[in-house]
C-alpha atoms as a PDB file:
ATOM      1  CA  MET A   1     -10.246   3.334 -25.734  1.00  0.00           C
ATOM      2  CA  LYS A   2      -9.909   1.165 -22.975  1.00  0.00           C
ATOM      3  CA  ILE A   3      -6.781   0.086 -20.517  1.00  0.00           C
ATOM      4  CA  SER A   4      -5.352  -2.718 -21.436  1.00  0.00           C
ATOM      5  CA  ASP A   5      -4.382  -5.638 -18.936  1.00  0.00           C
ATOM      6  CA  ASN A   6      -0.738  -4.494 -18.894  1.00  0.00           C
ATOM      7  CA  GLY A   7      -1.851  -1.314 -17.963  1.00  0.00           C
ATOM      8  CA  ILE A   8      -4.031  -2.525 -15.109  1.00  0.00           C
ATOM      9  CA  ASP A   9      -0.905  -4.642 -14.380  1.00  0.00           C
ATOM     10  CA  LEU A  10       1.283  -1.577 -14.360  1.00  0.00           C
ATOM     11  CA  ILE A  11      -1.309   0.561 -12.070  1.00  0.00           C
ATOM     12  CA  LYS A  12      -1.700  -3.060  -9.574  1.00  0.00           C
ATOM     13  CA  HIS A  13       2.742  -2.844  -9.217  1.00  0.00           C
ATOM     14  CA  PHE A  14       2.678   0.737  -8.341  1.00  0.00           C
ATOM     15  CA  GLU A  15      -0.337   0.991  -6.188  1.00  0.00           C
ATOM     16  CA  GLY A  16      -0.098  -2.168  -4.078  1.00  0.00           C
ATOM     17  CA  CYS A  17      -3.126  -3.408  -2.799  1.00  0.00           C
ATOM     18  CA  GLU A  18      -4.374  -3.147   0.969  1.00  0.00           C
ATOM     19  CA  LEU A  19      -7.500  -5.402   1.758  1.00  0.00           C
ATOM     20  CA  GLU A  20      -8.455  -3.402   5.041  1.00  0.00           C
ATOM     21  CA  ALA A  21      -8.737   0.479   4.865  1.00  0.00           C
ATOM     22  CA  TYR A  22      -6.122   2.739   6.056  1.00  0.00           C
ATOM     23  CA  GLN A  23      -5.116   6.388   6.023  1.00  0.00           C
ATOM     24  CA  CYS A  24      -2.763   7.232   3.374  1.00  0.00           C
ATOM     25  CA  SER A  25      -0.351  10.016   3.804  1.00  0.00           C
ATOM     26  CA  ALA A  26      -2.996  12.946   3.292  1.00  0.00           C
ATOM     27  CA  ASP A  27      -5.038  11.575   5.995  1.00  0.00           C
ATOM     28  CA  VAL A  28      -7.896   9.768   3.392  1.00  0.00           C
ATOM     29  CA  TRP A  29      -9.381   6.624   4.124  1.00  0.00           C
ATOM     30  CA  THR A  30      -8.198   4.025   1.298  1.00  0.00           C
ATOM     31  CA  ILE A  31      -8.318   0.684   0.207  1.00  0.00           C
ATOM     32  CA  GLY A  32      -7.499  -1.842  -2.540  1.00  0.00           C
ATOM     33  CA  TYR A  33      -5.334  -0.350  -5.229  1.00  0.00           C
ATOM     34  CA  GLY A  34      -5.749   3.582  -4.069  1.00  0.00           C
ATOM     35  CA  HIS A  35      -9.763   3.568  -3.505  1.00  0.00           C
ATOM     36  CA  THR A  36     -10.853   6.296  -1.674  1.00  0.00           C
ATOM     37  CA  ARG A  37     -14.532   7.088  -2.398  1.00  0.00           C
ATOM     38  CA  GLY A  38     -16.772   6.065   0.456  1.00  0.00           C
ATOM     39  CA  VAL A  39     -13.944   4.487   2.348  1.00  0.00           C
ATOM     40  CA  SER A  40     -14.062   4.161   6.312  1.00  0.00           C
ATOM     41  CA  GLU A  41     -12.331   3.222   9.110  1.00  0.00           C
ATOM     42  CA  GLY A  42     -13.086  -0.427   9.301  1.00  0.00           C
ATOM     43  CA  ASP A  43     -13.919  -1.454   5.729  1.00  0.00           C
ATOM     44  CA  VAL A  44     -12.272  -4.737   4.482  1.00  0.00           C
ATOM     45  CA  PHE A  45     -11.999  -6.094   0.650  1.00  0.00           C
ATOM     46  CA  THR A  46     -11.467  -9.370  -0.653  1.00  0.00           C
ATOM     47  CA  GLN A  47      -8.958  -9.802  -3.392  1.00  0.00           C
ATOM     48  CA  GLU A  48     -11.614  -9.961  -6.094  1.00  0.00           C
ATOM     49  CA  ASP A  49     -13.492  -6.785  -4.384  1.00  0.00           C
ATOM     50  CA  ALA A  50     -10.191  -4.796  -4.689  1.00  0.00           C
ATOM     51  CA  ASP A  51      -9.968  -6.026  -8.158  1.00  0.00           C
ATOM     52  CA  THR A  52     -13.404  -5.320  -9.599  1.00  0.00           C
ATOM     53  CA  THR A  53     -13.043  -1.579  -8.152  1.00  0.00           C
ATOM     54  CA  LEU A  54      -9.956  -0.922  -9.926  1.00  0.00           C
ATOM     55  CA  ARG A  55     -11.677  -1.795 -12.938  1.00  0.00           C
ATOM     56  CA  LYS A  56     -14.876   0.478 -12.323  1.00  0.00           C
ATOM     57  CA  ASP A  57     -12.741   3.181 -10.914  1.00  0.00           C
ATOM     58  CA  LEU A  58     -10.075   3.055 -14.547  1.00  0.00           C
ATOM     59  CA  GLU A  59     -13.689   3.549 -16.137  1.00  0.00           C
ATOM     60  CA  GLU A  60     -13.828   7.140 -14.912  1.00  0.00           C
ATOM     61  CA  PHE A  61      -9.841   7.597 -15.480  1.00  0.00           C
ATOM     62  CA  GLU A  62      -9.982   6.113 -18.935  1.00  0.00           C
ATOM     63  CA  SER A  63     -12.864   8.575 -19.516  1.00  0.00           C
ATOM     64  CA  TYR A  64     -10.521  11.542 -18.536  1.00  0.00           C
ATOM     65  CA  VAL A  65      -7.726  10.607 -20.339  1.00  0.00           C
ATOM     66  CA  SER A  66     -10.204  10.129 -23.887  1.00  0.00           C
ATOM     67  CA  ASP A  67     -11.671  13.389 -23.265  1.00  0.00           C
ATOM     68  CA  LEU A  68      -8.318  15.747 -22.446  1.00  0.00           C
ATOM     69  CA  VAL A  69      -6.179  14.248 -24.489  1.00  0.00           C
ATOM     70  CA  THR A  70      -6.590  15.297 -28.198  1.00  0.00           C
ATOM     71  CA  ILE A  71      -3.761  13.663 -29.919  1.00  0.00           C
ATOM     72  CA  PRO A  72      -4.123   9.547 -31.226  1.00  0.00           C
ATOM     73  CA  LEU A  73      -2.135   7.596 -28.650  1.00  0.00           C
ATOM     74  CA  THR A  74      -0.712   4.510 -28.761  1.00  0.00           C
ATOM     75  CA  GLN A  75      -2.133   1.610 -26.592  1.00  0.00           C
ATOM     76  CA  TYR A  76       1.043   2.074 -24.193  1.00  0.00           C
ATOM     77  CA  GLN A  77       0.931   5.610 -24.201  1.00  0.00           C
ATOM     78  CA  PHE A  78      -2.826   5.258 -23.125  1.00  0.00           C
ATOM     79  CA  ASP A  79      -1.957   2.941 -20.487  1.00  0.00           C
ATOM     80  CA  ALA A  80       0.547   5.264 -19.153  1.00  0.00           C
ATOM     81  CA  ILE A  81      -1.734   8.740 -19.379  1.00  0.00           C
ATOM     82  CA  VAL A  82      -4.220   6.431 -17.483  1.00  0.00           C
ATOM     83  CA  SER A  83      -2.003   5.462 -14.756  1.00  0.00           C
ATOM     84  CA  TRP A  84      -0.336   8.834 -14.262  1.00  0.00           C
ATOM     85  CA  THR A  85      -3.943  10.484 -14.100  1.00  0.00           C
ATOM     86  CA  PHE A  86      -5.244   7.503 -11.503  1.00  0.00           C
ATOM     87  CA  ASN A  87      -2.195   8.477  -9.282  1.00  0.00           C
ATOM     88  CA  LEU A  88      -2.239  12.279  -9.736  1.00  0.00           C
ATOM     89  CA  GLY A  89      -5.681  13.138 -10.563  1.00  0.00           C
ATOM     90  CA  PRO A  90      -8.207  14.877 -13.483  1.00  0.00           C
ATOM     91  CA  THR A  91      -7.168  18.343 -12.469  1.00  0.00           C
ATOM     92  CA  ASN A  92      -2.973  17.522 -13.185  1.00  0.00           C
ATOM     93  CA  LEU A  93      -4.011  15.902 -16.384  1.00  0.00           C
ATOM     94  CA  GLY A  94      -5.908  18.896 -17.514  1.00  0.00           C
ATOM     95  CA  GLU A  95      -3.480  21.631 -16.613  1.00  0.00           C
ATOM     96  CA  SER A  96      -0.595  19.516 -18.513  1.00  0.00           C
ATOM     97  CA  THR A  97      -2.408  19.147 -21.899  1.00  0.00           C
END
């Protein structure tokens, strides 16, 4: 299963988009819609970079949900759990399944 456009819109709404790298509350360099891997001070994204990176990042989180949730899900449920996992991490998902 893949996250729907509605699920992506939900994540975009709650994450917000920053096109210049910033340090989040955990002092981690972050850019776009919560992207952290390989981000350094001074990095800059275009809106297209942010959208593309979010979709690529979500492939990882879709796989966590597909692997760890063993019951059938509706599209809305899948979208919500991917969003939750994107925000809180796969370790938290694994501990709650």
